[in-house]
Protein backbone atom coordinates (compact mmCIF):
# COMPACT_ATOMS: atom_id res chain seq x y z
CA MET A 1 0.00 0.00 0.00
CA THR A 2 1.31 3.44 -0.95
CA THR A 3 2.35 5.80 1.84
CA ILE A 4 0.44 9.07 1.46
CA ASN A 5 2.40 12.31 1.51
CA THR A 6 0.99 14.20 4.48
CA GLN A 7 2.63 17.60 4.03
CA ARG A 8 -0.77 19.28 3.66
CA ASN A 9 -4.45 18.64 4.28
CA LEU A 10 -3.80 16.36 7.22
CA VAL A 11 -7.01 15.70 9.17
CA PRO A 12 -6.63 17.11 12.72
CA GLN A 13 -5.51 14.34 15.04
CA ASP A 14 -8.50 14.59 17.37
CA TYR A 15 -10.83 14.08 14.43
CA ALA A 16 -8.67 11.28 13.01
CA ASP A 17 -8.79 9.53 16.38
CA ARG A 18 -12.58 9.68 16.44
CA ILE A 19 -13.01 8.51 12.85
CA VAL A 20 -11.08 5.28 13.46
CA ASP A 21 -12.47 4.64 16.96
CA PRO A 22 -15.61 2.43 16.99
CA CYS A 23 -16.60 3.81 20.40
CA ALA A 24 -16.81 7.36 19.02
CA TRP A 25 -19.52 6.25 16.59
CA ALA A 26 -21.75 5.35 19.53
CA GLU A 27 -22.07 9.12 20.06
CA PRO A 28 -23.68 10.45 16.83
CA GLU A 29 -23.39 14.12 17.81
CA SER A 30 -19.63 13.73 18.14
CA MET A 31 -19.36 12.47 14.57
CA TYR A 32 -21.67 15.20 13.27
CA GLU A 33 -19.18 17.72 14.66
CA VAL A 34 -16.23 16.00 12.98
CA PHE A 35 -17.76 15.78 9.53
CA THR A 36 -19.34 19.25 9.59
CA TRP A 37 -15.91 20.75 10.20
CA LEU A 38 -14.25 18.58 7.56
CA ARG A 39 -16.83 19.36 4.87
CA ALA A 40 -16.28 23.07 5.46
CA ASN A 41 -12.52 23.09 5.94
CA GLN A 42 -10.96 19.90 4.60
CA PRO A 43 -13.43 18.05 2.35
CA LEU A 44 -10.75 15.68 1.05
CA GLY A 45 -8.25 15.20 3.85
CA LYS A 46 -5.57 12.71 4.78
CA VAL A 47 -5.88 10.58 7.90
CA GLU A 48 -2.78 9.37 9.68
CA HIS A 49 -3.05 7.19 12.77
CA GLU A 50 -0.42 4.89 14.21
CA ASP A 51 -2.77 1.90 14.19
CA PHE A 52 -3.92 2.26 10.57
CA ASN A 53 -2.43 2.57 7.12
CA PRO A 54 -2.88 6.17 5.93
CA PHE A 55 -5.96 6.96 3.88
CA TRP A 56 -7.80 9.77 2.18
CA LEU A 57 -11.15 10.77 3.66
CA ALA A 58 -13.84 11.93 1.21
CA THR A 59 -16.65 13.76 3.00
CA LYS A 60 -18.57 15.56 0.22
CA PHE A 61 -21.54 14.07 -1.62
CA ASP A 62 -20.29 14.87 -5.13
CA ASP A 63 -16.75 13.54 -4.52
CA ILE A 64 -18.06 10.28 -3.08
CA SER A 65 -20.46 9.88 -6.01
CA GLU A 66 -17.68 10.57 -8.49
CA ILE A 67 -15.35 8.00 -6.98
CA SER A 68 -18.12 5.42 -6.55
CA ARG A 69 -19.07 5.54 -10.23
CA GLN A 70 -15.61 4.61 -11.43
CA ASN A 71 -14.74 0.99 -10.72
CA ASP A 72 -12.06 1.22 -13.41
CA LYS A 73 -10.20 3.86 -11.41
CA PHE A 74 -11.00 2.78 -7.82
CA ASN A 75 -11.08 -0.90 -6.87
CA SER A 76 -12.54 -2.79 -3.93
CA ALA A 77 -10.26 -5.84 -3.96
CA GLU A 78 -6.66 -4.68 -3.57
CA ASN A 79 -7.04 -3.64 0.07
CA SER A 80 -9.72 -4.11 2.70
CA SER A 81 -13.06 -2.64 1.62
CA VAL A 82 -13.73 -1.57 5.23
CA LEU A 83 -11.44 0.31 7.62
CA THR A 84 -9.07 -2.22 9.18
CA ARG A 85 -6.19 -1.80 11.63
CA LYS A 86 -2.70 -2.43 10.27
CA ILE A 87 -1.98 -5.35 12.54
CA VAL A 88 -5.33 -6.97 11.70
CA ASP A 89 -4.68 -6.45 7.98
CA GLN A 90 -1.29 -8.12 8.37
CA GLN A 91 -2.86 -11.01 10.25
CA ILE A 92 -5.55 -11.48 7.60
CA ARG A 93 -2.97 -11.49 4.80
CA HIS A 94 -0.99 -14.10 6.74
CA ILE A 95 -4.08 -16.28 7.20
CA THR A 96 -5.14 -15.95 3.54
CA ALA A 97 -1.67 -16.12 1.94
CA GLY A 98 -1.82 -12.52 0.77
CA SER A 99 -5.46 -11.53 0.42
CA PRO A 100 -6.76 -8.61 2.54
CA HIS A 101 -10.17 -10.33 2.73
CA LEU A 102 -11.24 -13.14 5.06
CA SER A 103 -14.39 -13.36 2.96
CA ARG A 104 -14.66 -13.06 -0.83
CA ASN A 105 -18.02 -11.57 -1.75
CA LEU A 106 -19.86 -8.92 -3.77
CA VAL A 107 -18.55 -6.14 -1.53
CA ASN A 108 -14.90 -6.72 -2.38
CA MET A 109 -15.22 -7.97 -5.97
CA ASP A 110 -14.36 -5.84 -9.01
CA PRO A 111 -15.45 -6.08 -12.65
CA PRO A 112 -15.98 -8.34 -14.46
CA GLU A 113 -16.52 -10.77 -11.55
CA HIS A 114 -18.66 -8.38 -9.55
CA LEU A 115 -21.39 -8.14 -12.19
CA LYS A 116 -21.36 -11.90 -12.82
CA TYR A 117 -21.97 -12.67 -9.16
CA ARG A 118 -24.37 -9.77 -8.62
CA SER A 119 -26.50 -10.97 -11.56
CA ILE A 120 -27.18 -14.28 -9.81
CA THR A 121 -29.71 -12.80 -7.40
CA GLN A 122 -30.31 -9.31 -8.77
CA ASN A 123 -33.74 -10.16 -10.22
CA TRP A 124 -34.96 -11.19 -6.76
CA PHE A 125 -34.33 -7.67 -5.48
CA MET A 126 -35.54 -5.57 -8.41
CA PRO A 127 -38.72 -3.49 -7.97
CA LYS A 128 -40.98 -5.91 -9.87
CA LYS A 129 -40.02 -8.91 -7.72
CA VAL A 130 -40.10 -6.83 -4.52
CA ARG A 131 -43.68 -5.80 -5.32
CA GLU A 132 -44.56 -9.49 -5.59
CA LEU A 133 -43.14 -9.98 -2.09
CA GLU A 134 -45.12 -7.12 -0.57
CA ALA A 135 -48.11 -9.18 0.60
CA ARG A 136 -45.86 -11.59 2.51
CA VAL A 137 -43.81 -8.75 4.03
CA LYS A 138 -47.05 -7.06 5.13
CA GLU A 139 -48.09 -10.23 6.96
CA ILE A 140 -44.80 -10.28 8.84
CA ALA A 141 -44.98 -6.55 9.60
CA SER A 142 -48.52 -6.86 10.93
CA SER A 143 -47.47 -9.69 13.21
CA PHE A 144 -44.68 -7.61 14.74
CA ALA A 145 -46.96 -4.57 15.05
CA ASP A 146 -49.47 -6.74 16.91
CA THR A 147 -46.74 -7.90 19.28
CA MET A 148 -45.64 -4.35 20.04
CA ILE A 149 -49.20 -3.13 20.63
CA ALA A 150 -49.89 -6.11 22.90
CA ASN A 151 -46.91 -5.11 25.05
CA ALA A 152 -47.96 -1.47 25.41
CA PRO A 153 -47.18 0.96 26.90
CA GLU A 154 -43.42 0.39 26.71
CA CYS A 155 -40.71 -1.71 25.07
CA ASP A 156 -37.13 -1.73 23.93
CA PHE A 157 -37.84 -1.16 20.26
CA VAL A 158 -34.49 -2.59 19.16
CA SER A 159 -34.65 -5.96 20.92
CA ASP A 160 -38.43 -6.39 20.50
CA ILE A 161 -38.92 -5.22 16.90
CA ALA A 162 -35.96 -3.73 15.01
CA LEU A 163 -33.64 -6.70 15.39
CA ARG A 164 -36.18 -9.42 14.75
CA TYR A 165 -38.51 -8.04 12.07
CA PRO A 166 -35.97 -7.42 9.22
CA LEU A 167 -34.23 -10.66 10.21
CA HIS A 168 -37.46 -12.63 9.76
CA VAL A 169 -38.18 -10.98 6.39
CA VAL A 170 -34.80 -11.65 4.82
CA MET A 171 -34.55 -15.18 6.22
CA ASP A 172 -38.02 -15.93 4.86
CA ILE A 173 -36.92 -14.77 1.40
CA LEU A 174 -33.55 -16.48 1.63
CA GLY A 175 -35.12 -19.74 2.82
CA VAL A 176 -33.59 -20.06 6.29
CA PRO A 177 -35.91 -21.85 8.78
CA GLU A 178 -37.36 -19.63 11.50
CA LYS A 179 -35.80 -21.80 14.20
CA ASP A 180 -32.34 -20.79 12.93
CA GLU A 181 -32.96 -17.04 13.03
CA PRO A 182 -31.43 -16.60 16.52
CA LEU A 183 -28.21 -18.18 15.22
CA MET A 184 -28.17 -15.83 12.21
CA LEU A 185 -28.68 -12.83 14.49
CA LYS A 186 -25.93 -13.92 16.86
CA LEU A 187 -23.40 -14.49 14.06
CA THR A 188 -24.27 -11.20 12.36
CA GLN A 189 -23.77 -9.23 15.56
CA GLU A 190 -20.46 -10.99 16.14
CA LEU A 191 -19.38 -10.03 12.61
CA PHE A 192 -20.52 -6.40 12.36
CA GLY A 193 -20.37 -5.55 16.07
CA ALA A 194 -17.06 -7.26 16.65
CA ARG A 195 -15.53 -4.24 18.38
CA ASP A 196 -18.54 -3.73 20.67
CA PRO A 197 -18.04 -5.63 23.96
CA ASP A 198 -21.80 -6.22 24.19
CA LEU A 199 -21.87 -7.99 20.82
CA ALA A 200 -18.43 -9.50 20.24
CA ARG A 201 -17.89 -13.26 20.37
CA ASP A 202 -14.76 -12.84 22.46
CA SER A 203 -14.34 -9.24 23.58
CA GLU A 204 -10.95 -9.91 25.22
CA LYS A 205 -9.49 -11.34 22.02
CA MET A 206 -11.14 -8.62 19.89
CA ALA A 207 -9.39 -6.05 22.07
CA ASP A 208 -6.10 -7.68 21.11
CA PRO A 209 -5.33 -6.74 17.49
CA ALA A 210 -3.08 -9.76 17.11
CA ALA A 211 -6.01 -12.11 17.79
CA ALA A 212 -8.93 -10.22 16.22
CA ALA A 213 -8.72 -11.72 12.73
CA GLU A 214 -8.84 -15.26 14.12
CA VAL A 215 -12.06 -14.44 15.98
CA ILE A 216 -13.70 -13.11 12.81
CA LYS A 217 -12.41 -16.08 10.85
CA LYS A 218 -14.23 -18.42 13.25
CA VAL A 219 -17.46 -16.43 12.90
CA LEU A 220 -17.23 -16.68 9.11
CA ALA A 221 -16.47 -20.39 9.40
CA ASP A 222 -19.68 -20.87 11.38
CA PHE A 223 -21.63 -19.06 8.67
CA ALA A 224 -19.99 -21.26 6.01
CA SER A 225 -20.73 -24.46 7.87
CA TYR A 226 -24.39 -23.52 8.17
CA PHE A 227 -24.87 -22.35 4.59
CA ASN A 228 -23.02 -25.30 3.05
CA GLY A 229 -25.78 -27.42 4.54
CA ILE A 230 -28.43 -25.11 3.08
CA ALA A 231 -26.79 -25.35 -0.36
CA GLU A 232 -26.72 -29.16 -0.29
CA ASP A 233 -30.40 -29.23 0.63
CA ARG A 234 -31.40 -26.83 -2.17
CA ARG A 235 -29.51 -28.79 -4.79
CA ALA A 236 -31.32 -31.94 -3.71
CA THR A 237 -34.74 -30.31 -3.26
CA PRO A 238 -35.00 -26.93 -5.02
CA ARG A 239 -37.55 -24.41 -3.72
CA ASP A 240 -38.81 -20.96 -4.64
CA ASP A 241 -36.26 -19.06 -2.56
CA VAL A 242 -32.98 -17.20 -2.93
CA ALA A 243 -31.03 -20.07 -1.33
CA THR A 244 -32.03 -22.30 -4.26
CA VAL A 245 -31.00 -19.67 -6.81
CA VAL A 246 -27.54 -19.32 -5.29
CA ALA A 247 -27.00 -23.05 -4.74
CA ASN A 248 -27.71 -23.86 -8.38
CA ALA A 249 -26.13 -20.79 -10.01
CA LEU A 250 -23.43 -20.97 -12.66
CA VAL A 251 -20.64 -18.47 -13.21
CA ASP A 252 -18.88 -18.80 -16.56
CA GLY A 253 -20.70 -22.11 -16.96
CA GLU A 254 -19.40 -23.59 -13.71
CA PRO A 255 -21.02 -23.99 -10.28
CA ILE A 256 -19.90 -21.46 -7.68
CA LYS A 257 -16.96 -22.76 -5.67
CA PRO A 258 -17.79 -23.65 -2.04
CA TYR A 259 -15.80 -20.74 -0.58
CA GLU A 260 -17.50 -18.09 -2.75
CA LEU A 261 -20.86 -19.84 -2.29
CA ALA A 262 -20.71 -19.66 1.51
CA ASN A 263 -19.58 -16.04 1.36
CA TYR A 264 -22.40 -15.15 -1.03
CA TYR A 265 -24.98 -16.52 1.40
CA THR A 266 -23.29 -14.77 4.30
CA VAL A 267 -23.33 -11.31 2.75
CA LEU A 268 -26.99 -11.70 1.74
CA ALA A 269 -27.99 -12.90 5.19
CA THR A 270 -26.04 -10.34 7.21
CA ALA A 271 -26.32 -7.18 5.14
CA GLY A 272 -29.91 -8.10 4.40
CA HIS A 273 -31.02 -7.58 7.97
CA ASP A 274 -28.38 -5.73 9.99
CA THR A 275 -28.57 -2.53 7.93
CA THR A 276 -32.38 -2.58 7.86
CA SER A 277 -32.49 -3.26 11.59
CA ALA A 278 -30.43 -0.12 12.15
CA SER A 279 -32.77 1.89 9.93
CA THR A 280 -35.93 0.46 11.50
CA ALA A 281 -34.68 1.53 14.91
CA GLY A 282 -33.50 4.80 13.39
CA ALA A 283 -37.03 5.69 12.29
CA ILE A 284 -38.42 5.44 15.81
CA TRP A 285 -35.36 7.17 17.28
CA ALA A 286 -35.90 10.09 14.90
CA LEU A 287 -39.65 10.32 15.54
CA CYS A 288 -38.96 10.48 19.28
CA GLN A 289 -36.37 13.21 18.65
CA PHE A 290 -38.73 15.19 16.43
CA PRO A 291 -42.26 14.80 17.82
CA GLU A 292 -43.63 17.38 15.36
CA GLN A 293 -42.69 14.98 12.54
CA PHE A 294 -44.54 12.18 14.31
CA GLU A 295 -47.64 14.39 14.47
CA LYS A 296 -47.25 15.31 10.81
CA VAL A 297 -47.13 11.70 9.60
CA LYS A 298 -50.00 10.77 11.92
CA LYS A 299 -52.17 13.41 10.23
CA ASP A 300 -51.01 12.44 6.73
CA PRO A 301 -49.94 8.77 6.32
CA SER A 302 -49.13 9.46 2.66
CA LEU A 303 -45.89 10.96 4.03
CA ILE A 304 -44.64 7.52 5.16
CA PRO A 305 -42.54 6.93 1.98
CA GLY A 306 -40.86 10.30 2.65
CA LEU A 307 -40.31 9.25 6.27
CA VAL A 308 -38.61 6.09 4.99
CA ASP A 309 -36.17 7.97 2.75
CA GLU A 310 -35.42 10.56 5.42
CA THR A 311 -34.76 7.76 7.91
CA PHE A 312 -32.18 6.13 5.66
CA ARG A 313 -30.48 9.51 5.18
CA TRP A 314 -30.63 10.30 8.89
CA ILE A 315 -29.28 7.01 10.24
CA THR A 316 -27.03 5.99 7.27
CA PRO A 317 -26.50 2.45 8.59
CA VAL A 318 -23.45 1.75 6.40
CA LYS A 319 -21.07 4.48 7.49
CA HIS A 320 -18.34 3.93 4.92
CA PHE A 321 -16.63 1.75 2.38
CA MET A 322 -12.98 1.87 1.36
CA ARG A 323 -11.57 2.00 -2.18
CA THR A 324 -8.03 1.79 -3.58
CA ALA A 325 -6.90 3.97 -6.49
CA ASN A 326 -5.84 2.09 -9.63
CA GLU A 327 -4.09 5.16 -11.04
CA ASP A 328 -3.29 8.75 -10.12
CA TYR A 329 -6.56 10.65 -9.92
CA GLN A 330 -7.23 14.37 -9.66
CA ILE A 331 -10.15 15.48 -7.49
CA ARG A 332 -10.86 18.66 -5.52
CA GLY A 333 -7.41 20.02 -6.35
CA GLN A 334 -5.68 16.96 -4.90
CA THR A 335 -3.90 14.02 -6.48
CA ILE A 336 -4.85 10.63 -5.10
CA LYS A 337 -1.91 8.43 -6.05
CA ALA A 338 -2.17 4.94 -7.48
CA GLY A 339 -2.35 2.53 -4.55
CA ASP A 340 -3.75 5.09 -2.09
CA TRP A 341 -6.58 3.98 0.18
CA VAL A 342 -9.75 6.11 0.23
CA MET A 343 -12.62 6.18 2.72
CA LEU A 344 -16.02 7.12 1.29
CA SER A 345 -17.98 8.57 4.20
CA TYR A 346 -21.67 8.09 3.38
CA GLN A 347 -22.50 9.43 6.84
CA SER A 348 -20.92 12.76 5.95
CA ALA A 349 -22.33 12.85 2.41
CA ASN A 350 -25.87 12.53 3.73
CA PHE A 351 -25.45 15.71 5.78
CA ASP A 352 -23.71 17.71 3.06
CA GLU A 353 -25.07 21.24 3.27
CA GLU A 354 -24.64 21.71 -0.49
CA LYS A 355 -27.06 18.84 -1.17
CA PHE A 356 -29.47 18.98 1.76
CA SER A 357 -30.94 22.20 3.11
CA ASN A 358 -30.86 22.27 6.91
CA PRO A 359 -29.42 18.73 6.99
CA PHE A 360 -29.62 18.44 10.78
CA GLU A 361 -33.39 18.78 10.66
CA PHE A 362 -35.28 15.51 10.30
CA ARG A 363 -37.92 16.35 7.69
CA ILE A 364 -40.23 13.64 6.39
CA ASP A 365 -41.34 15.86 3.49
CA ARG A 366 -37.77 16.58 2.35
CA GLN A 367 -37.65 16.93 -1.43
CA PRO A 368 -35.50 16.02 -3.21
CA ASN A 369 -33.86 13.44 -0.99
CA LYS A 370 -31.26 11.67 -3.13
CA HIS A 371 -29.15 10.36 -0.27
CA LEU A 372 -26.21 7.93 -0.44
CA ALA A 373 -27.34 5.54 2.29
CA PHE A 374 -27.33 2.70 -0.26
CA GLY A 375 -24.09 3.75 -1.92
CA HIS A 376 -23.76 4.70 -5.56
CA GLY A 377 -22.53 3.27 -8.84
CA PRO A 378 -21.87 -0.42 -9.63
CA HIS A 379 -21.75 -1.34 -5.93
CA VAL A 380 -25.07 0.30 -5.03
CA CYS A 381 -26.93 -1.87 -2.50
CA ILE A 382 -28.66 -4.76 -4.24
CA GLY A 383 -31.35 -4.89 -1.53
CA GLN A 384 -32.32 -1.21 -1.41
CA HIS A 385 -35.85 -1.72 -2.78
CA LEU A 386 -36.56 -4.50 -0.29
CA ALA A 387 -35.18 -2.41 2.59
CA LYS A 388 -37.47 0.50 1.70
CA LEU A 389 -40.46 -1.84 1.41
CA GLU A 390 -39.76 -3.43 4.79
CA LEU A 391 -39.59 -0.12 6.63
CA ARG A 392 -42.59 1.34 4.81
CA VAL A 393 -44.98 -1.54 5.49
CA LEU A 394 -43.93 -1.75 9.15
CA LEU A 395 -44.58 1.96 9.65
CA GLU A 396 -47.91 1.62 7.82
CA ALA A 397 -48.88 -1.20 10.16
CA LEU A 398 -47.65 0.52 13.32
CA LEU A 399 -48.12 4.29 13.20
CA PRO A 400 -51.93 4.36 12.80
CA ARG A 401 -52.17 2.38 16.05
CA ILE A 402 -49.90 4.64 18.13
CA LYS A 403 -51.22 7.84 19.68
CA SER A 404 -48.00 9.12 21.26
CA LEU A 405 -44.33 8.17 21.27
CA LYS A 406 -41.39 9.20 23.46
CA PHE A 407 -38.09 8.01 24.89
CA ASN A 408 -38.30 5.94 28.06
CA GLY A 409 -34.65 5.74 29.06
CA GLU A 410 -31.13 6.04 27.66
CA VAL A 411 -30.60 5.31 23.96
CA LYS A 412 -27.38 3.42 23.23
CA PHE A 413 -25.68 2.97 19.86
CA THR A 414 -23.52 0.16 18.55
CA LYS A 415 -19.80 0.79 18.92
CA ALA A 416 -18.90 0.28 15.26
CA ASN A 417 -17.60 2.51 12.49
CA PHE A 418 -18.78 0.31 9.60
CA ILE A 419 -22.44 -0.59 10.24
CA SER A 420 -24.15 0.89 13.28
CA GLY A 421 -27.39 2.21 14.70
CA PRO A 422 -29.31 2.13 17.98
CA LYS A 423 -28.72 -1.05 19.99
CA VAL A 424 -30.91 -0.03 22.96
CA LEU A 425 -34.00 2.10 22.33
CA PRO A 426 -36.43 2.21 25.27
CA ILE A 427 -39.70 3.89 24.32
CA ARG A 428 -43.06 4.60 25.90
CA PHE A 429 -46.15 4.85 23.72
CA GLU A 430 -49.90 5.18 23.93
CA ILE A 431 -52.13 3.21 21.61
CA GLU A 432 -55.17 4.52 19.78
């Protein structure tokens, strides 16, 4: 990896420390401060931290969109596609004989492989197919709304609804039995919340950079063991589910190799519910923060689709992805050198004052609202239409039955700088 020249545009150390620290992301206001300053003063800065390889930090909407569109100039495979400590990167490359990835999946594939693998399941997540799934998703949403109403007047919205509802939807579509959903939730939290002591498989080992990669490797191995069994079953007895599509798919005329197959299932299963769980919780968090918006949507339920889009902008569950420059590239008066690592901060882009008027106001009637919560370009989230449907139908099932909504204790956020959202959300509500 190229060493970045840091003679100018170095991100202030306090801000650099917070950007790389998972604990800092559990305090959203702290990160708002960091990115607001950077957008105004150093929109494309250089981060240096002793525990990480140096990287550029893109904070502006247009710059992130520009980089995201160009897979030919910025790749996802050469280095880790998420921010990773130097010692963990070295450990991973040792384990994998040189690869920076413990898992090989859509997230870290480049053309032409990326499109070949993405095409396997893309039709299942396009608007036409998602509309066909709406009736089933509504049934699931109604069931969870009934559960919440039955437990009135209070609940922890994360543990009672936000974690379990998107999980049930995506596992139903994927073809995972309901009895195995707790296992899928546990493994996902151990993967994406690995630096959070409340979620990690082995918090002591995760605190030791020299051991962290081995912990994650074991989590991924558990996913692979489970999904290899699913694949065998679907080859023997095909069904109308995504698991069957993946198990029987061909790439360049050949079946998917076991390693890529297990990783394909894993990314669908984990990203398919963890990000939507964060956004589902984010909607209620925001409505408690902005009670006037709750009253507005109560009076006019036709605003629910706008509430959904504003929620994804507001919470931005995927905080970043990393890219590596294939060649020298000029942007915002800077030269990103070939081999340089670049962080695309979707969190910052979605509060860019040049794209969103009064970005720190949660407005369910915000128009336009072309946020980057699902990324941009060839790697745009394959499940974005399903995620929007899930949140919309849940809110349609829930909001007409709730008269009032407010916090009922301390809200806590996941300590993670990749995917994060509320992990504890105590609320009190009256029912109609």
